[in-house]
Amino acid sequence: LSLGRYRMVSTASLHHTFSPTAAVRDSSRRWMETPLGRDATKSTMTVFIDRDALDKFADEIARSILANRSLEVTEWDADGWHYTGTNYRKGGRDDDYSELMRMERVALYVLTLDSINFCFWPLSSETEKSGARCAKNDLEYEHLAIALRKVAEADDGEISQVSEDERVDNTSITIRAASSYALSPANLALLTPAKLHAMLQPHFPPSSSLDEKDSEEDVSLKTYELPNINVRCQLLNELGKGLLERHDGSALNMISRANRSADALVGIILDTFPGFRDYVDTDQWNAPASTSDWTSAKSSSSVIHFYKRAQIAIADIWAALGRGRDCNSLPSSTLGTDARLRICQFGDMDLITTFPDYRVPQILRHVDVLRYEASLAKSVDDRVELEKGSIDEVSIRAGTVVSVEEIVRRVKENISKAAASSGNSDRSVSDLRRLADDVSAVTIDWYLWQRGEKLDRLNLLGLHHRVRTTFY
């Protein structure tokens, strides 16, 4: 009995078409299985996968899924961090157009968030210049998500005029956010670092002295600041300009061009926004990638692909606007007829890989699935920053991708064995098929990230590796 839609996709099977998700899988596995992933000065792997620990961990996850009849992960907005546009209604209307406008706003929120979703732990340049060496930046993902949600909600209640074109039942009308929406492409294209700081900082927690239970050696001030704000602003400018120049100023226009393919949408994002091109060329370790390199990078065998922020943007769009969404049950008999309402219901989400950042390898190391060579382990545990694009960093990220792929495969095998065992009714087999379908690199990533967050808050998790990067 074979369950689920799990597919191992190879770039070789895609001929001349570039599949970014297949490139991530193939290059990560190649790195971990060839001398590319070795430190030439030590002739040993700096990161390796403990297969016995991986099987044990995957079996634990499978048992939990079978016992609870679900992979227990928190839904995308269960904690209220994200913007959902629930209170938005265009001119008081309740029809397809209004729903599409809400979707446009949510999609822009997600793209904005994932354009600047990286490297929160450094201090801002202003704090570093002030000489506040005893400060600790405690900014986390949820602080940024919540701040942007509040910015996005600012014009939710405004009643804007509906143009004559918008009154026509015309599914060809391009959906664009109003100028009053702070995250519209036009506003993002003109954003300045000062405006970005003024927009977000009031929504972050205030700086404060550390509590005794939080106190760390030589640290006395807890701050919440967005570091690298100039770079983040440039990425948001790029997002706005890219949507305006290549997608008629509409996030939904861009998404619709993928024809409900998550893999294709990753490629569209990479082609449109250079800031999402998260790869390392092992033939040019110290040479920064340029825009002109992109075409050759897609076909080069020396490139290791990751695309963490691009892939997580697709997963967030799917979670917010596609996963489990029944357009026929929207709250009006007039809703659900426009095909664009379904453009985020991607049919190939199982092609998206895990999002190789810092938290997932941290939890994989915690359960002994990933093991680090002694000098790398010491660097991580001593909070020594790793060089961006170094052998150590690439090995951690590639090892993370391969580990999660193997965990997904093992978990699905276990569910398949459970379904094949005697005594299962047709309904039980159907339920197990649904469970298997829900197991993917994306849902396992969510599970690992949420498990890691819980352990970290309890101070039960070891340290994560540190790299100053715009990619995670």
Protein backbone atom coordinates (compact mmCIF):
# COMPACT_ATOMS: atom_id res chain seq x y z
CA LEU A 1 0.00 0.00 0.00
CA SER A 2 1.50 3.30 -1.09
CA LEU A 3 0.34 6.43 0.67
CA GLY A 4 0.70 10.14 -0.05
CA ARG A 5 2.16 12.10 -2.95
CA TYR A 6 5.78 12.11 -1.87
CA ARG A 7 8.01 12.61 -4.90
CA MET A 8 11.75 12.63 -5.24
CA VAL A 9 12.29 15.11 -8.06
CA SER A 10 15.64 15.25 -9.81
CA THR A 11 16.86 18.14 -11.90
CA ALA A 12 17.88 15.58 -14.50
CA SER A 13 14.22 14.74 -15.11
CA LEU A 14 13.31 18.38 -15.72
CA HIS A 15 15.56 18.76 -18.80
CA HIS A 16 16.13 22.45 -19.51
CA THR A 17 13.52 23.73 -17.04
CA PHE A 18 14.94 25.09 -13.80
CA SER A 19 13.20 23.69 -10.75
CA PRO A 20 14.47 25.62 -7.72
CA THR A 21 13.16 23.09 -5.20
CA ALA A 22 14.77 20.16 -7.06
CA ALA A 23 17.99 22.19 -7.22
CA VAL A 24 17.93 22.59 -3.43
CA ARG A 25 17.42 18.86 -2.89
CA ASP A 26 19.94 17.70 -5.47
CA SER A 27 22.72 20.13 -4.60
CA SER A 28 22.34 19.61 -0.84
CA ARG A 29 22.54 15.84 -1.22
CA ARG A 30 25.49 16.15 -3.58
CA TRP A 31 27.27 18.36 -1.05
CA MET A 32 26.75 15.89 1.78
CA GLU A 33 27.78 12.85 -0.28
CA THR A 34 30.90 14.15 -2.05
CA PRO A 35 34.22 15.73 -1.04
CA LEU A 36 32.62 19.15 -1.61
CA GLY A 37 31.22 18.87 1.91
CA ARG A 38 34.60 18.18 3.46
CA ASP A 39 37.10 20.53 5.06
CA ALA A 40 40.20 20.05 2.90
CA THR A 41 42.48 20.99 5.80
CA LYS A 42 41.11 18.16 7.96
CA SER A 43 39.98 15.58 5.41
CA THR A 44 36.80 15.01 7.38
CA MET A 45 33.18 16.07 7.31
CA THR A 46 32.43 19.11 9.44
CA VAL A 47 28.75 18.09 9.64
CA PHE A 48 27.36 14.60 9.31
CA ILE A 49 23.99 12.89 9.69
CA ASP A 50 23.58 10.18 12.30
CA ARG A 51 21.29 7.73 10.50
CA ASP A 52 20.42 5.76 13.63
CA ALA A 53 19.43 8.93 15.49
CA LEU A 54 17.47 10.11 12.44
CA ASP A 55 15.49 6.87 12.23
CA LYS A 56 14.79 6.98 15.96
CA PHE A 57 13.59 10.59 15.78
CA ALA A 58 11.45 9.95 12.69
CA ASP A 59 9.88 6.93 14.37
CA GLU A 60 9.03 9.10 17.36
CA ILE A 61 7.30 11.63 15.11
CA ALA A 62 5.40 8.86 13.30
CA ARG A 63 4.20 7.36 16.57
CA SER A 64 2.98 10.78 17.69
CA ILE A 65 1.11 11.30 14.40
CA LEU A 66 -0.55 7.87 14.64
CA ALA A 67 -1.47 8.36 18.30
CA ASN A 68 -2.91 11.86 17.82
CA ARG A 69 -4.23 11.27 14.30
CA SER A 70 -2.46 14.45 13.21
CA LEU A 71 0.93 16.11 12.93
CA GLU A 72 0.50 18.57 15.76
CA VAL A 73 1.58 21.92 14.39
CA THR A 74 0.16 25.33 15.20
CA GLU A 75 -1.80 26.90 12.35
CA TRP A 76 -0.29 29.90 10.59
CA ASP A 77 -2.14 32.53 12.63
CA ALA A 78 -3.07 30.58 15.74
CA ASP A 79 -1.00 32.96 17.89
CA GLY A 80 -2.41 36.13 16.31
CA TRP A 81 0.98 37.29 15.04
CA HIS A 82 0.06 37.63 11.38
CA TYR A 83 -2.13 39.91 9.30
CA THR A 84 -5.20 38.13 7.93
CA GLY A 85 -7.28 41.08 6.71
CA THR A 86 -10.28 39.71 8.60
CA ASN A 87 -11.61 43.21 9.29
CA TYR A 88 -10.99 44.52 5.78
CA ARG A 89 -13.91 45.13 3.47
CA LYS A 90 -13.59 47.19 0.28
CA GLY A 91 -16.30 49.85 0.38
CA GLY A 92 -18.40 47.64 2.62
CA ARG A 93 -18.72 45.07 -0.16
CA ASP A 94 -18.90 41.34 0.43
CA ASP A 95 -18.15 39.75 -2.93
CA ASP A 96 -15.33 38.18 -4.93
CA TYR A 97 -13.66 41.51 -5.57
CA SER A 98 -13.55 42.39 -1.88
CA GLU A 99 -12.16 38.95 -1.05
CA LEU A 100 -9.50 39.26 -3.73
CA MET A 101 -8.50 42.65 -2.34
CA ARG A 102 -8.13 41.06 1.08
CA MET A 103 -6.00 38.32 -0.46
CA GLU A 104 -3.82 40.92 -2.20
CA ARG A 105 -3.22 42.70 1.08
CA VAL A 106 -2.36 39.46 2.90
CA ALA A 107 -0.02 38.37 0.09
CA LEU A 108 1.77 41.74 0.23
CA TYR A 109 2.06 41.40 4.00
CA VAL A 110 3.64 37.94 3.62
CA LEU A 111 6.06 39.08 0.91
CA THR A 112 7.05 42.11 3.00
CA LEU A 113 7.60 39.99 6.10
CA ASP A 114 9.63 37.34 4.30
CA SER A 115 11.71 39.92 2.45
CA ILE A 116 13.15 41.08 5.78
CA ASN A 117 12.82 37.88 7.81
CA PHE A 118 16.49 37.30 8.62
CA CYS A 119 19.21 37.69 11.22
CA PHE A 120 17.50 39.42 14.16
CA TRP A 121 20.14 38.84 16.81
CA PRO A 122 22.79 41.53 16.00
CA LEU A 123 22.49 44.94 17.62
CA SER A 124 21.48 47.82 15.42
CA SER A 125 24.31 49.99 14.09
CA GLU A 126 23.06 52.88 16.24
CA THR A 127 23.32 50.85 19.45
CA GLU A 128 26.74 49.51 18.45
CA LYS A 129 27.95 53.06 17.73
CA SER A 130 26.67 54.24 21.11
CA GLY A 131 29.08 51.88 22.82
CA ALA A 132 26.33 49.98 24.63
CA ARG A 133 28.36 46.79 24.83
CA CYS A 134 26.19 45.43 27.61
CA ALA A 135 23.09 45.36 25.42
CA LYS A 136 21.39 42.27 24.05
CA ASN A 137 19.02 42.42 21.08
CA ASP A 138 16.03 40.25 22.01
CA LEU A 139 14.08 40.90 18.81
CA GLU A 140 12.43 37.75 17.45
CA TYR A 141 10.38 36.83 14.40
CA GLU A 142 7.08 37.29 16.21
CA HIS A 143 7.93 40.91 17.10
CA LEU A 144 8.45 41.75 13.43
CA ALA A 145 5.35 39.81 12.35
CA ILE A 146 3.18 41.60 14.90
CA ALA A 147 4.61 45.03 14.10
CA LEU A 148 3.94 44.57 10.38
CA ARG A 149 0.46 43.24 11.18
CA LYS A 150 -0.35 46.46 13.04
CA VAL A 151 1.00 48.52 10.15
CA ALA A 152 -1.12 46.51 7.69
CA GLU A 153 -4.26 46.91 9.82
CA ALA A 154 -3.99 50.70 9.91
CA ASP A 155 -6.39 51.29 6.99
CA ASP A 156 -8.57 48.17 7.40
CA GLY A 157 -11.55 50.21 8.49
CA GLU A 158 -11.35 52.88 5.79
CA ILE A 159 -14.30 52.98 3.40
CA SER A 160 -12.82 53.76 0.00
CA GLN A 161 -14.78 54.71 -3.10
CA VAL A 162 -15.50 52.01 -5.65
CA SER A 163 -14.70 53.03 -9.23
CA GLU A 164 -17.00 52.38 -12.14
CA ASP A 165 -14.54 49.75 -13.48
CA GLU A 166 -14.75 47.94 -10.17
CA ARG A 167 -18.55 47.85 -10.35
CA VAL A 168 -18.39 45.77 -13.53
CA ASP A 169 -18.47 41.99 -13.17
CA ASN A 170 -15.13 41.60 -14.91
CA THR A 171 -12.69 38.96 -13.75
CA SER A 172 -9.90 40.56 -15.80
CA ILE A 173 -9.62 43.56 -13.46
CA THR A 174 -6.12 43.69 -11.93
CA ILE A 175 -6.23 43.56 -8.16
CA ARG A 176 -4.03 46.28 -6.64
CA ALA A 177 -3.76 47.53 -3.08
CA ALA A 178 -4.92 51.07 -2.42
CA SER A 179 -2.36 53.81 -1.78
CA SER A 180 -3.62 53.98 1.81
CA TYR A 181 -2.17 50.50 2.40
CA ALA A 182 1.30 50.98 3.88
CA LEU A 183 2.58 47.78 2.26
CA SER A 184 1.40 48.54 -1.29
CA PRO A 185 4.11 48.16 -3.95
CA ALA A 186 4.15 51.90 -4.60
CA ASN A 187 4.73 52.66 -0.92
CA LEU A 188 7.39 49.95 -0.55
CA ALA A 189 9.25 51.22 -3.63
CA LEU A 190 9.59 54.68 -2.05
CA LEU A 191 10.30 53.56 1.52
CA THR A 192 13.35 55.04 3.26
CA PRO A 193 15.27 53.61 6.23
CA ALA A 194 13.98 56.44 8.42
CA LYS A 195 10.37 55.77 7.41
CA LEU A 196 10.83 52.02 7.97
CA HIS A 197 12.22 52.63 11.46
CA ALA A 198 9.40 55.06 12.30
CA MET A 199 6.83 52.58 10.97
CA LEU A 200 8.01 49.55 12.97
CA GLN A 201 9.90 50.64 16.09
CA PRO A 202 6.82 51.94 18.00
CA HIS A 203 5.30 48.46 17.76
CA PHE A 204 8.33 46.67 19.26
CA PRO A 205 8.59 46.14 23.05
CA PRO A 206 10.55 48.91 24.81
CA SER A 207 14.13 48.34 25.89
CA SER A 208 14.50 47.27 29.50
CA SER A 209 16.91 45.98 32.09
CA LEU A 210 17.25 42.22 32.15
CA ASP A 211 15.37 40.37 34.85
CA GLU A 212 17.45 38.27 37.23
CA LYS A 213 16.23 35.09 35.60
CA ASP A 214 17.31 36.44 32.19
CA SER A 215 20.60 37.91 33.27
CA GLU A 216 23.68 36.88 31.33
CA GLU A 217 27.31 37.61 32.00
CA ASP A 218 28.21 41.17 30.97
CA VAL A 219 24.68 41.84 29.70
CA SER A 220 22.44 44.35 31.46
CA LEU A 221 20.12 45.83 28.80
CA LYS A 222 17.54 44.01 26.71
CA THR A 223 16.75 45.86 23.47
CA TYR A 224 14.28 45.26 20.62
CA GLU A 225 15.70 46.80 17.47
CA LEU A 226 15.63 45.91 13.80
CA PRO A 227 19.29 45.58 12.72
CA ASN A 228 20.61 46.18 9.19
CA ILE A 229 17.72 48.52 8.52
CA ASN A 230 19.37 50.04 5.42
CA VAL A 231 19.69 46.60 3.80
CA ARG A 232 16.16 45.66 4.81
CA CYS A 233 14.82 48.86 3.30
CA GLN A 234 16.66 48.13 0.03
CA LEU A 235 15.03 44.70 -0.11
CA LEU A 236 11.59 46.24 0.41
CA ASN A 237 12.31 48.81 -2.30
CA GLU A 238 13.24 45.90 -4.57
CA LEU A 239 10.00 44.12 -3.70
CA GLY A 240 7.87 47.15 -4.51
CA LYS A 241 9.70 47.99 -7.73
CA GLY A 242 9.71 44.36 -8.90
CA LEU A 243 5.94 44.06 -8.47
CA LEU A 244 5.35 47.39 -10.21
CA GLU A 245 7.66 46.78 -13.14
CA ARG A 246 7.10 43.07 -13.78
CA HIS A 247 3.69 42.17 -12.32
CA ASP A 248 1.54 45.27 -12.91
CA GLY A 249 1.78 46.27 -9.25
CA SER A 250 -0.09 43.19 -8.04
CA ALA A 251 1.04 40.31 -5.84
CA LEU A 252 -1.90 38.22 -7.04
CA ASN A 253 -0.85 38.84 -10.64
CA MET A 254 2.55 37.39 -9.80
CA ILE A 255 1.06 34.41 -7.95
CA SER A 256 -1.41 33.64 -10.75
CA ARG A 257 1.44 33.28 -13.26
CA ALA A 258 2.62 30.18 -11.38
CA ASN A 259 -0.59 28.32 -12.31
CA ARG A 260 -0.98 26.96 -8.78
CA SER A 261 2.55 25.53 -8.72
CA ALA A 262 4.59 26.26 -5.60
CA ASP A 263 7.81 25.30 -7.38
CA ALA A 264 7.05 27.64 -10.28
CA LEU A 265 6.25 30.48 -7.87
CA VAL A 266 9.61 30.06 -6.14
CA GLY A 267 11.21 30.45 -9.58
CA ILE A 268 9.16 33.55 -10.38
CA ILE A 269 10.18 35.16 -7.07
CA LEU A 270 13.84 34.37 -7.72
CA ASP A 271 13.66 35.80 -11.25
CA THR A 272 11.90 38.96 -10.05
CA PHE A 273 13.72 39.78 -6.82
CA PRO A 274 17.52 39.28 -6.70
CA GLY A 275 17.51 39.61 -2.90
CA PHE A 276 15.91 36.15 -2.62
CA ARG A 277 18.70 34.38 -4.55
CA ASP A 278 20.14 32.34 -1.74
CA TYR A 279 22.90 30.18 -3.22
CA VAL A 280 26.62 29.55 -2.91
CA ASP A 281 28.95 28.97 -5.87
CA THR A 282 31.70 26.64 -4.68
CA ASP A 283 33.89 27.69 -7.63
CA GLN A 284 33.80 31.29 -6.39
CA TRP A 285 33.78 31.07 -2.60
CA ASN A 286 34.76 34.66 -1.95
CA ALA A 287 33.12 36.35 -4.93
CA PRO A 288 29.76 38.04 -4.21
CA ALA A 289 26.98 36.98 -6.55
CA SER A 290 25.85 39.58 -9.09
CA THR A 291 22.60 39.90 -10.98
CA SER A 292 24.32 38.85 -14.22
CA ASP A 293 25.36 35.55 -12.61
CA TRP A 294 21.79 34.35 -12.10
CA THR A 295 21.27 32.66 -15.46
CA SER A 296 24.47 30.64 -15.18
CA ALA A 297 23.86 29.88 -11.49
CA LYS A 298 20.64 28.07 -12.33
CA SER A 299 22.49 25.50 -14.45
CA SER A 300 25.89 25.34 -12.74
CA SER A 301 26.89 22.09 -11.04
CA SER A 302 29.13 24.05 -8.65
CA VAL A 303 26.21 25.95 -7.09
CA ILE A 304 24.56 24.85 -3.82
CA HIS A 305 20.97 26.15 -3.70
CA PHE A 306 18.91 26.94 -0.59
CA TYR A 307 16.29 29.70 -1.25
CA LYS A 308 15.03 29.72 2.33
CA ARG A 309 13.12 33.03 2.24
CA ALA A 310 11.60 32.41 -1.19
CA GLN A 311 10.33 28.99 -0.16
CA ILE A 312 8.99 30.13 3.20
CA ALA A 313 7.13 32.97 1.44
CA ILE A 314 5.31 30.39 -0.70
CA ALA A 315 4.56 28.26 2.38
CA ASP A 316 3.19 31.30 4.22
CA ILE A 317 1.03 32.32 1.25
CA TRP A 318 -0.29 28.76 1.03
CA ALA A 319 -0.92 28.59 4.78
CA ALA A 320 -2.70 31.96 4.82
CA LEU A 321 -4.66 31.78 1.57
CA GLY A 322 -4.63 28.23 0.22
CA ARG A 323 -4.29 25.43 2.74
CA GLY A 324 -7.65 23.91 3.67
CA ARG A 325 -9.44 26.80 1.96
CA ASP A 326 -12.91 26.07 0.59
CA CYS A 327 -13.91 29.01 -1.62
CA ASN A 328 -17.41 27.62 -2.00
CA SER A 329 -18.06 28.10 1.71
CA LEU A 330 -17.10 31.79 1.84
CA PRO A 331 -19.71 33.94 3.65
CA SER A 332 -21.85 34.95 0.69
CA SER A 333 -23.70 33.26 -2.12
CA THR A 334 -21.98 35.67 -4.52
CA LEU A 335 -18.51 34.53 -3.46
CA GLY A 336 -16.44 31.74 -4.93
CA THR A 337 -16.98 32.18 -8.69
CA ASP A 338 -13.71 33.96 -9.56
CA ALA A 339 -10.97 31.41 -10.31
CA ARG A 340 -8.37 33.75 -8.81
CA LEU A 341 -9.71 32.90 -5.36
CA ARG A 342 -7.99 29.51 -5.77
CA ILE A 343 -4.59 30.58 -7.07
CA CYS A 344 -2.91 29.94 -3.71
CA GLN A 345 -4.12 26.33 -3.55
CA PHE A 346 -0.82 24.97 -4.83
CA GLY A 347 -0.90 21.40 -6.07
CA ASP A 348 2.77 20.61 -5.48
CA MET A 349 3.55 21.84 -1.97
CA ASP A 350 5.36 18.55 -1.36
CA LEU A 351 8.13 19.87 -3.64
CA ILE A 352 9.02 22.69 -1.24
CA THR A 353 11.98 21.73 0.96
CA THR A 354 12.63 22.52 4.58
CA PHE A 355 13.70 26.11 5.24
CA PRO A 356 17.42 25.83 6.11
CA ASP A 357 17.97 28.56 8.67
CA TYR A 358 19.24 28.38 12.25
CA ARG A 359 16.37 26.87 14.30
CA VAL A 360 15.85 23.62 12.39
CA PRO A 361 19.52 22.54 12.48
CA GLN A 362 19.56 23.60 16.13
CA ILE A 363 16.77 21.16 17.02
CA LEU A 364 18.24 18.45 14.76
CA ARG A 365 21.54 18.77 16.60
CA HIS A 366 19.67 18.66 19.91
CA VAL A 367 18.24 15.22 19.03
CA ASP A 368 21.62 14.05 17.64
CA VAL A 369 20.45 13.82 14.03
CA LEU A 370 23.07 16.39 13.02
CA ARG A 371 26.53 16.06 14.52
CA TYR A 372 29.26 18.68 14.20
CA GLU A 373 33.01 18.13 14.00
CA ALA A 374 34.68 19.21 17.27
CA SER A 375 36.04 22.60 16.16
CA LEU A 376 32.72 23.56 14.54
CA ALA A 377 30.80 22.43 17.64
CA LYS A 378 33.05 24.62 19.79
CA SER A 379 32.56 27.63 17.51
CA VAL A 380 28.79 27.26 17.68
CA ASP A 381 28.74 26.71 21.44
CA ASP A 382 31.07 29.69 22.01
CA ARG A 383 28.86 31.98 19.88
CA VAL A 384 31.62 32.47 17.32
CA GLU A 385 30.19 33.84 14.10
CA LEU A 386 30.65 31.62 11.05
CA GLU A 387 31.58 33.18 7.74
CA LYS A 388 28.69 33.58 5.30
CA GLY A 389 28.99 31.00 2.54
CA SER A 390 31.73 29.08 4.35
CA ILE A 391 32.12 25.30 4.23
CA ASP A 392 30.77 25.06 7.79
CA GLU A 393 27.67 27.13 7.06
CA VAL A 394 26.91 25.35 3.80
CA SER A 395 27.39 21.97 5.50
CA ILE A 396 24.94 22.85 8.30
CA ARG A 397 22.32 24.02 5.83
CA ALA A 398 22.76 21.18 3.34
CA GLY A 399 22.74 18.66 6.18
CA THR A 400 19.48 20.17 7.37
CA VAL A 401 17.83 19.80 3.96
CA VAL A 402 18.92 16.17 3.54
CA SER A 403 17.97 15.26 7.13
CA VAL A 404 14.44 16.59 6.79
CA GLU A 405 14.00 14.80 3.44
CA GLU A 406 15.00 11.54 5.12
CA ILE A 407 12.72 12.19 8.10
CA VAL A 408 9.78 12.79 5.75
CA ARG A 409 10.53 9.56 3.89
CA ARG A 410 10.81 7.53 7.11
CA VAL A 411 7.66 8.98 8.66
CA LYS A 412 5.66 8.23 5.51
CA GLU A 413 7.00 4.66 5.46
CA ASN A 414 5.88 4.15 9.05
CA ILE A 415 2.38 5.43 8.33
CA SER A 416 2.22 3.20 5.26
CA LYS A 417 3.14 0.16 7.35
CA ALA A 418 0.43 1.05 9.87
CA ALA A 419 -2.14 1.24 7.10
CA ALA A 420 -1.02 -2.07 5.61
CA SER A 421 -1.38 -3.92 8.91
CA SER A 422 -4.36 -6.24 9.22
CA GLY A 423 -7.55 -5.10 10.87
CA ASN A 424 -7.76 -1.60 9.40
CA SER A 425 -11.14 -0.56 8.07
CA ASP A 426 -11.53 1.35 4.82
CA ARG A 427 -12.17 4.48 6.86
CA SER A 428 -9.04 3.95 8.90
CA VAL A 429 -6.95 3.49 5.76
CA SER A 430 -8.49 6.67 4.33
CA ASP A 431 -7.60 8.55 7.52
CA LEU A 432 -4.03 7.26 7.34
CA ARG A 433 -3.83 8.32 3.71
CA ARG A 434 -4.82 11.83 4.78
CA LEU A 435 -2.16 11.78 7.51
CA ALA A 436 0.47 10.69 5.02
CA ASP A 437 -0.54 13.43 2.59
CA ASP A 438 -0.05 16.02 5.33
CA VAL A 439 3.54 14.94 5.98
CA SER A 440 5.92 17.01 3.88
CA ALA A 441 9.14 18.94 4.32
CA VAL A 442 7.01 22.02 5.02
CA THR A 443 4.88 20.51 7.78
CA ILE A 444 7.87 18.72 9.32
CA ASP A 445 9.75 22.05 9.26
CA TRP A 446 6.85 23.70 11.07
CA TYR A 447 6.84 20.88 13.62
CA LEU A 448 10.60 21.16 14.21
CA TRP A 449 10.55 24.96 14.40
CA GLN A 450 7.69 25.00 16.91
CA ARG A 451 9.29 22.27 18.98
CA GLY A 452 12.56 24.20 18.96
CA GLU A 453 10.83 27.42 20.01
CA LYS A 454 9.26 25.68 23.01
CA LEU A 455 12.56 24.14 24.11
CA ASP A 456 14.39 27.42 23.63
CA ARG A 457 11.94 29.32 25.83
CA LEU A 458 12.54 26.71 28.53
CA ASN A 459 16.31 27.12 28.11
CA LEU A 460 16.55 23.44 27.19
CA LEU A 461 18.06 23.92 23.75
CA GLY A 462 21.71 24.36 22.87
CA LEU A 463 22.97 27.36 20.93
CA HIS A 464 22.39 27.88 17.23
CA HIS A 465 25.06 28.77 14.71
CA ARG A 466 25.48 32.47 13.93
CA VAL A 467 26.02 34.00 10.51
CA ARG A 468 25.47 37.61 9.47
CA THR A 469 23.37 37.04 6.38
CA THR A 470 20.31 38.36 4.61
CA PHE A 471 19.10 34.86 3.74
CA TYR A 472 17.89 33.65 7.16
